[in-house]
Amino acid sequence: MKQKQLSPEEISRVIEMAWEDDVPFDAIEAQYGLNEEQVIALMRSELKHSSFKMWRRRVTGRKSKHWKKKQMQP
């Protein structure tokens, strides 16, 4: 999977958006063209190992990061 070439400023913004609870992966994809797998790969390469693990624990299964899951909420 080829990752889009991003400037350092764009990488910083993607990381910031990925950490925010209320920004779904779909919004990142719409703005920067990176799907969830690519965001995970970017976070893995840009963050320290411990920070990446903390982020993954935080977003795994979180409905607010997945637009489709968020829509299914009662």
PDB file of N, CA and C in Angstrom:
ATOM      1  N   MET A   1       0.848  -1.169   0.000  1.00  0.00           N
ATOM      2  CA  MET A   1       0.000   0.000   0.000  1.00  0.00           C
ATOM      3  C   MET A   1       0.898   1.238   0.000  1.00  0.00           C
ATOM      4  N   LYS A   2       0.728   2.093  -0.989  1.00  0.00           N
ATOM      5  CA  LYS A   2       1.548   3.287  -1.133  1.00  0.00           C
ATOM      6  C   LYS A   2       0.958   4.408  -0.292  1.00  0.00           C
ATOM      7  N   GLN A   3       1.800   5.033   0.505  1.00  0.00           N
ATOM      8  CA  GLN A   3       1.342   6.108   1.359  1.00  0.00           C
ATOM      9  C   GLN A   3       1.550   7.442   0.658  1.00  0.00           C
ATOM     10  N   LYS A   4       0.579   8.318   0.761  1.00  0.00           N
ATOM     11  CA  LYS A   4       0.640   9.638   0.159  1.00  0.00           C
ATOM     12  C   LYS A   4       1.791  10.425   0.786  1.00  0.00           C
ATOM     13  N   GLN A   5       2.489  11.202  -0.027  1.00  0.00           N
ATOM     14  CA  GLN A   5       3.594  12.027   0.468  1.00  0.00           C
ATOM     15  C   GLN A   5       3.011  13.261   1.153  1.00  0.00           C
ATOM     16  N   LEU A   6       3.301  13.423   2.425  1.00  0.00           N
ATOM     17  CA  LEU A   6       2.782  14.547   3.200  1.00  0.00           C
ATOM     18  C   LEU A   6       3.925  15.436   3.665  1.00  0.00           C
ATOM     19  N   SER A   7       3.641  16.725   3.781  1.00  0.00           N
ATOM     20  CA  SER A   7       4.628  17.662   4.319  1.00  0.00           C
ATOM     21  C   SER A   7       4.704  17.460   5.838  1.00  0.00           C
ATOM     22  N   PRO A   8       5.767  17.947   6.470  1.00  0.00           N
ATOM     23  CA  PRO A   8       5.858  17.832   7.937  1.00  0.00           C
ATOM     24  C   PRO A   8       4.665  18.474   8.653  1.00  0.00           C
ATOM     25  N   GLU A   9       4.153  19.574   8.112  1.00  0.00           N
ATOM     26  CA  GLU A   9       2.993  20.233   8.718  1.00  0.00           C
ATOM     27  C   GLU A   9       1.751  19.353   8.611  1.00  0.00           C
ATOM     28  N   GLU A  10       1.577  18.696   7.458  1.00  0.00           N
ATOM     29  CA  GLU A  10       0.431  17.809   7.275  1.00  0.00           C
ATOM     30  C   GLU A  10       0.538  16.588   8.182  1.00  0.00           C
ATOM     31  N   ILE A  11       1.735  16.041   8.321  1.00  0.00           N
ATOM     32  CA  ILE A  11       1.943  14.901   9.220  1.00  0.00           C
ATOM     33  C   ILE A  11       1.577  15.291  10.643  1.00  0.00           C
ATOM     34  N   SER A  12       2.020  16.471  11.058  1.00  0.00           N
ATOM     35  CA  SER A  12       1.716  16.954  12.398  1.00  0.00           C
ATOM     36  C   SER A  12       0.210  17.082  12.604  1.00  0.00           C
ATOM     37  N   ARG A  13      -0.483  17.595  11.605  1.00  0.00           N
ATOM     38  CA  ARG A  13      -1.938  17.767  11.711  1.00  0.00           C
ATOM     39  C   ARG A  13      -2.657  16.418  11.731  1.00  0.00           C
ATOM     40  N   VAL A  14      -2.207  15.468  10.919  1.00  0.00           N
ATOM     41  CA  VAL A  14      -2.818  14.128  10.923  1.00  0.00           C
ATOM     42  C   VAL A  14      -2.650  13.493  12.304  1.00  0.00           C
ATOM     43  N   ILE A  15      -1.466  13.611  12.885  1.00  0.00           N
ATOM     44  CA  ILE A  15      -1.218  13.060  14.224  1.00  0.00           C
ATOM     45  C   ILE A  15      -2.142  13.723  15.242  1.00  0.00           C
ATOM     46  N   GLU A  16      -2.269  15.037  15.150  1.00  0.00           N
ATOM     47  CA  GLU A  16      -3.149  15.768  16.061  1.00  0.00           C
ATOM     48  C   GLU A  16      -4.598  15.296  15.912  1.00  0.00           C
ATOM     49  N   MET A  17      -5.052  15.154  14.674  1.00  0.00           N
ATOM     50  CA  MET A  17      -6.423  14.693  14.427  1.00  0.00           C
ATOM     51  C   MET A  17      -6.620  13.263  14.921  1.00  0.00           C
ATOM     52  N   ALA A  18      -5.613  12.415  14.747  1.00  0.00           N
ATOM     53  CA  ALA A  18      -5.718  11.020  15.182  1.00  0.00           C
ATOM     54  C   ALA A  18      -5.840  10.925  16.705  1.00  0.00           C
ATOM     55  N   TRP A  19      -5.205  11.830  17.438  1.00  0.00           N
ATOM     56  CA  TRP A  19      -5.285  11.823  18.896  1.00  0.00           C
ATOM     57  C   TRP A  19      -6.627  12.354  19.402  1.00  0.00           C
ATOM     58  N   GLU A  20      -7.297  13.196  18.608  1.00  0.00           N
ATOM     59  CA  GLU A  20      -8.561  13.787  19.046  1.00  0.00           C
ATOM     60  C   GLU A  20      -9.670  12.733  19.039  1.00  0.00           C
ATOM     61  N   ASP A  21     -10.445  12.698  20.106  1.00  0.00           N
ATOM     62  CA  ASP A  21     -11.510  11.698  20.240  1.00  0.00           C
ATOM     63  C   ASP A  21     -12.655  11.919  19.262  1.00  0.00           C
ATOM     64  N   ASP A  22     -12.948  13.170  18.957  1.00  0.00           N
ATOM     65  CA  ASP A  22     -14.137  13.460  18.156  1.00  0.00           C
ATOM     66  C   ASP A  22     -13.881  13.526  16.651  1.00  0.00           C
ATOM     67  N   VAL A  23     -12.670  13.217  16.205  1.00  0.00           N
ATOM     68  CA  VAL A  23     -12.351  13.232  14.772  1.00  0.00           C
ATOM     69  C   VAL A  23     -12.286  11.790  14.271  1.00  0.00           C
ATOM     70  N   PRO A  24     -13.250  11.378  13.441  1.00  0.00           N
ATOM     71  CA  PRO A  24     -13.231  10.001  12.927  1.00  0.00           C
ATOM     72  C   PRO A  24     -12.158   9.814  11.855  1.00  0.00           C
ATOM     73  N   PHE A  25     -11.763   8.563  11.650  1.00  0.00           N
ATOM     74  CA  PHE A  25     -10.783   8.250  10.610  1.00  0.00           C
ATOM     75  C   PHE A  25     -11.290   8.690   9.239  1.00  0.00           C
ATOM     76  N   ASP A  26     -12.606   8.667   9.050  1.00  0.00           N
ATOM     77  CA  ASP A  26     -13.191   9.093   7.774  1.00  0.00           C
ATOM     78  C   ASP A  26     -12.867  10.555   7.471  1.00  0.00           C
ATOM     79  N   ALA A  27     -12.838  11.404   8.495  1.00  0.00           N
ATOM     80  CA  ALA A  27     -12.516  12.818   8.296  1.00  0.00           C
ATOM     81  C   ALA A  27     -11.057  12.985   7.880  1.00  0.00           C
ATOM     82  N   ILE A  28     -10.176  12.186   8.463  1.00  0.00           N
ATOM     83  CA  ILE A  28      -8.759  12.230   8.087  1.00  0.00           C
ATOM     84  C   ILE A  28      -8.606  11.776   6.643  1.00  0.00           C
ATOM     85  N   GLU A  29      -9.339  10.729   6.282  1.00  0.00           N
ATOM     86  CA  GLU A  29      -9.262  10.232   4.906  1.00  0.00           C
ATOM     87  C   GLU A  29      -9.792  11.269   3.918  1.00  0.00           C
ATOM     88  N   ALA A  30     -10.879  11.938   4.265  1.00  0.00           N
ATOM     89  CA  ALA A  30     -11.453  12.946   3.371  1.00  0.00           C
ATOM     90  C   ALA A  30     -10.503  14.123   3.177  1.00  0.00           C
ATOM     91  N   GLN A  31      -9.818  14.512   4.246  1.00  0.00           N
ATOM     92  CA  GLN A  31      -8.955  15.691   4.176  1.00  0.00           C
ATOM     93  C   GLN A  31      -7.566  15.380   3.626  1.00  0.00           C
ATOM     94  N   TYR A  32      -6.999  14.222   3.982  1.00  0.00           N
ATOM     95  CA  TYR A  32      -5.612  13.922   3.621  1.00  0.00           C
ATOM     96  C   TYR A  32      -5.451  12.694   2.730  1.00  0.00           C
ATOM     97  N   GLY A  33      -6.529  11.963   2.480  1.00  0.00           N
ATOM     98  CA  GLY A  33      -6.451  10.801   1.606  1.00  0.00           C
ATOM     99  C   GLY A  33      -5.803   9.584   2.234  1.00  0.00           C
ATOM    100  N   LEU A  34      -5.742   9.540   3.567  1.00  0.00           N
ATOM    101  CA  LEU A  34      -5.155   8.401   4.277  1.00  0.00           C
ATOM    102  C   LEU A  34      -6.271   7.595   4.930  1.00  0.00           C
ATOM    103  N   ASN A  35      -6.351   6.300   4.611  1.00  0.00           N
ATOM    104  CA  ASN A  35      -7.359   5.471   5.261  1.00  0.00           C
ATOM    105  C   ASN A  35      -6.868   5.075   6.658  1.00  0.00           C
ATOM    106  N   GLU A  36      -7.689   4.330   7.381  1.00  0.00           N
ATOM    107  CA  GLU A  36      -7.354   3.977   8.767  1.00  0.00           C
ATOM    108  C   GLU A  36      -6.026   3.229   8.861  1.00  0.00           C
ATOM    109  N   GLU A  37      -5.800   2.265   7.973  1.00  0.00           N
ATOM    110  CA  GLU A  37      -4.542   1.503   7.994  1.00  0.00           C
ATOM    111  C   GLU A  37      -3.340   2.409   7.769  1.00  0.00           C
ATOM    112  N   GLN A  38      -3.475   3.375   6.876  1.00  0.00           N
ATOM    113  CA  GLN A  38      -2.374   4.290   6.592  1.00  0.00           C
ATOM    114  C   GLN A  38      -2.121   5.235   7.763  1.00  0.00           C
ATOM    115  N   VAL A  39      -3.187   5.651   8.446  1.00  0.00           N
ATOM    116  CA  VAL A  39      -3.024   6.497   9.634  1.00  0.00           C
ATOM    117  C   VAL A  39      -2.291   5.709  10.717  1.00  0.00           C
ATOM    118  N   ILE A  40      -2.664   4.448  10.899  1.00  0.00           N
ATOM    119  CA  ILE A  40      -1.993   3.598  11.888  1.00  0.00           C
ATOM    120  C   ILE A  40      -0.513   3.461  11.540  1.00  0.00           C
ATOM    121  N   ALA A  41      -0.205   3.230  10.265  1.00  0.00           N
ATOM    122  CA  ALA A  41       1.192   3.102   9.832  1.00  0.00           C
ATOM    123  C   ALA A  41       1.953   4.405  10.062  1.00  0.00           C
ATOM    124  N   LEU A  42       1.316   5.536   9.777  1.00  0.00           N
ATOM    125  CA  LEU A  42       1.947   6.837  10.000  1.00  0.00           C
ATOM    126  C   LEU A  42       2.225   7.042  11.483  1.00  0.00           C
ATOM    127  N   MET A  43       1.237   6.746  12.317  1.00  0.00           N
ATOM    128  CA  MET A  43       1.412   6.904  13.762  1.00  0.00           C
ATOM    129  C   MET A  43       2.528   5.991  14.269  1.00  0.00           C
ATOM    130  N   ARG A  44       2.587   4.768  13.759  1.00  0.00           N
ATOM    131  CA  ARG A  44       3.627   3.826  14.170  1.00  0.00           C
ATOM    132  C   ARG A  44       5.019   4.368  13.819  1.00  0.00           C
ATOM    133  N   SER A  45       5.145   4.978  12.657  1.00  0.00           N
ATOM    134  CA  SER A  45       6.459   5.456  12.215  1.00  0.00           C
ATOM    135  C   SER A  45       6.852   6.790  12.847  1.00  0.00           C
ATOM    136  N   GLU A  46       5.877   7.598  13.241  1.00  0.00           N
ATOM    137  CA  GLU A  46       6.182   8.940  13.743  1.00  0.00           C
ATOM    138  C   GLU A  46       6.244   9.040  15.268  1.00  0.00           C
ATOM    139  N   LEU A  47       5.529   8.162  15.968  1.00  0.00           N
ATOM    140  CA  LEU A  47       5.495   8.239  17.431  1.00  0.00           C
ATOM    141  C   LEU A  47       6.522   7.307  18.059  1.00  0.00           C
ATOM    142  N   LYS A  48       6.878   7.624  19.311  1.00  0.00           N
ATOM    143  CA  LYS A  48       7.685   6.679  20.078  1.00  0.00           C
ATOM    144  C   LYS A  48       6.839   5.427  20.296  1.00  0.00           C
ATOM    145  N   HIS A  49       7.504   4.299  20.516  1.00  0.00           N
ATOM    146  CA  HIS A  49       6.797   3.026  20.672  1.00  0.00           C
ATOM    147  C   HIS A  49       5.752   3.098  21.785  1.00  0.00           C
ATOM    148  N   SER A  50       6.120   3.660  22.924  1.00  0.00           N
ATOM    149  CA  SER A  50       5.182   3.727  24.050  1.00  0.00           C
ATOM    150  C   SER A  50       3.993   4.638  23.734  1.00  0.00           C
ATOM    151  N   SER A  51       4.237   5.724  23.025  1.00  0.00           N
ATOM    152  CA  SER A  51       3.150   6.630  22.639  1.00  0.00           C
ATOM    153  C   SER A  51       2.216   5.957  21.649  1.00  0.00           C
ATOM    154  N   PHE A  52       2.794   5.206  20.709  1.00  0.00           N
ATOM    155  CA  PHE A  52       1.969   4.495  19.739  1.00  0.00           C
ATOM    156  C   PHE A  52       1.085   3.476  20.447  1.00  0.00           C
ATOM    157  N   LYS A  53       1.641   2.707  21.382  1.00  0.00           N
ATOM    158  CA  LYS A  53       0.856   1.710  22.112  1.00  0.00           C
ATOM    159  C   LYS A  53      -0.281   2.377  22.887  1.00  0.00           C
ATOM    160  N   MET A  54       0.005   3.511  23.520  1.00  0.00           N
ATOM    161  CA  MET A  54      -1.009   4.233  24.279  1.00  0.00           C
ATOM    162  C   MET A  54      -2.124   4.721  23.338  1.00  0.00           C
ATOM    163  N   TRP A  55      -1.744   5.244  22.182  1.00  0.00           N
ATOM    164  CA  TRP A  55      -2.729   5.718  21.210  1.00  0.00           C
ATOM    165  C   TRP A  55      -3.591   4.567  20.704  1.00  0.00           C
ATOM    166  N   ARG A  56      -2.973   3.417  20.375  1.00  0.00           N
ATOM    167  CA  ARG A  56      -3.725   2.263  19.866  1.00  0.00           C
ATOM    168  C   ARG A  56      -4.728   1.767  20.901  1.00  0.00           C
ATOM    169  N   ARG A  57      -4.314   1.695  22.166  1.00  0.00           N
ATOM    170  CA  ARG A  57      -5.245   1.283  23.224  1.00  0.00           C
ATOM    171  C   ARG A  57      -6.411   2.265  23.303  1.00  0.00           C
ATOM    172  N   ARG A  58      -6.101   3.530  23.132  1.00  0.00           N
ATOM    173  CA  ARG A  58      -7.116   4.574  23.254  1.00  0.00           C
ATOM    174  C   ARG A  58      -8.152   4.503  22.131  1.00  0.00           C
ATOM    175  N   VAL A  59      -7.726   4.274  20.893  1.00  0.00           N
ATOM    176  CA  VAL A  59      -8.651   4.338  19.756  1.00  0.00           C
ATOM    177  C   VAL A  59      -9.266   2.998  19.372  1.00  0.00           C
ATOM    178  N   THR A  60      -8.692   1.896  19.822  1.00  0.00           N
ATOM    179  CA  THR A  60      -9.219   0.585  19.445  1.00  0.00           C
ATOM    180  C   THR A  60     -10.638   0.418  19.980  1.00  0.00           C
ATOM    181  N   GLY A  61     -11.563   0.217  19.075  1.00  0.00           N
ATOM    182  CA  GLY A  61     -12.954   0.003  19.449  1.00  0.00           C
ATOM    183  C   GLY A  61     -13.721   1.250  19.818  1.00  0.00           C
ATOM    184  N   ARG A  62     -13.096   2.394  19.762  1.00  0.00           N
ATOM    185  CA  ARG A  62     -13.759   3.651  20.132  1.00  0.00           C
ATOM    186  C   ARG A  62     -14.744   4.041  19.031  1.00  0.00           C
ATOM    187  N   LYS A  63     -16.014   4.138  19.372  1.00  0.00           N
ATOM    188  CA  LYS A  63     -17.045   4.437  18.380  1.00  0.00           C
ATOM    189  C   LYS A  63     -16.847   5.802  17.737  1.00  0.00           C
ATOM    190  N   SER A  64     -16.351   6.768  18.479  1.00  0.00           N
ATOM    191  CA  SER A  64     -16.211   8.118  17.936  1.00  0.00           C
ATOM    192  C   SER A  64     -15.150   8.205  16.845  1.00  0.00           C
ATOM    193  N   LYS A  65     -14.240   7.220  16.761  1.00  0.00           N
ATOM    194  CA  LYS A  65     -13.211   7.227  15.724  1.00  0.00           C
ATOM    195  C   LYS A  65     -13.685   6.523  14.461  1.00  0.00           C
ATOM    196  N   HIS A  66     -14.833   5.863  14.543  1.00  0.00           N
ATOM    197  CA  HIS A  66     -15.368   5.119  13.406  1.00  0.00           C
ATOM    198  C   HIS A  66     -16.760   5.649  13.115  1.00  0.00           C
ATOM    199  N   TRP A  67     -16.909   6.406  12.053  1.00  0.00           N
ATOM    200  CA  TRP A  67     -18.159   7.070  11.719  1.00  0.00           C
ATOM    201  C   TRP A  67     -19.320   6.098  11.642  1.00  0.00           C
ATOM    202  N   LYS A  68     -19.127   4.931  11.043  1.00  0.00           N
ATOM    203  CA  LYS A  68     -20.210   3.958  10.892  1.00  0.00           C
ATOM    204  C   LYS A  68     -20.657   3.434  12.247  1.00  0.00           C
ATOM    205  N   LYS A  69     -19.708   3.167  13.147  1.00  0.00           N
ATOM    206  CA  LYS A  69     -20.079   2.703  14.485  1.00  0.00           C
ATOM    207  C   LYS A  69     -20.800   3.811  15.243  1.00  0.00           C
ATOM    208  N   LYS A  70     -20.359   5.051  15.033  1.00  0.00           N
ATOM    209  CA  LYS A  70     -20.960   6.187  15.719  1.00  0.00           C
ATOM    210  C   LYS A  70     -22.415   6.357  15.290  1.00  0.00           C
ATOM    211  N   GLN A  71     -22.710   6.116  14.009  1.00  0.00           N
ATOM    212  CA  GLN A  71     -24.075   6.233  13.498  1.00  0.00           C
ATOM    213  C   GLN A  71     -25.008   5.210  14.119  1.00  0.00           C
ATOM    214  N   MET A  72     -24.484   4.059  14.510  1.00  0.00           N
ATOM    215  CA  MET A  72     -25.303   2.971  15.030  1.00  0.00           C
ATOM    216  C   MET A  72     -25.696   3.186  16.483  1.00  0.00           C
ATOM    217  N   GLN A  73     -25.165   4.214  17.140  1.00  0.00           N
ATOM    218  CA  GLN A  73     -25.500   4.470  18.529  1.00  0.00           C
ATOM    219  C   GLN A  73     -26.968   4.852  18.644  1.00  0.00           C
ATOM    220  N   PRO A  74     -27.644   4.376  19.703  1.00  0.00           N
ATOM    221  CA  PRO A  74     -29.070   4.716  19.894  1.00  0.00           C
ATOM    222  C   PRO A  74     -29.256   6.160  20.288  1.00  0.00           C
TER     223      PRO A  74
END
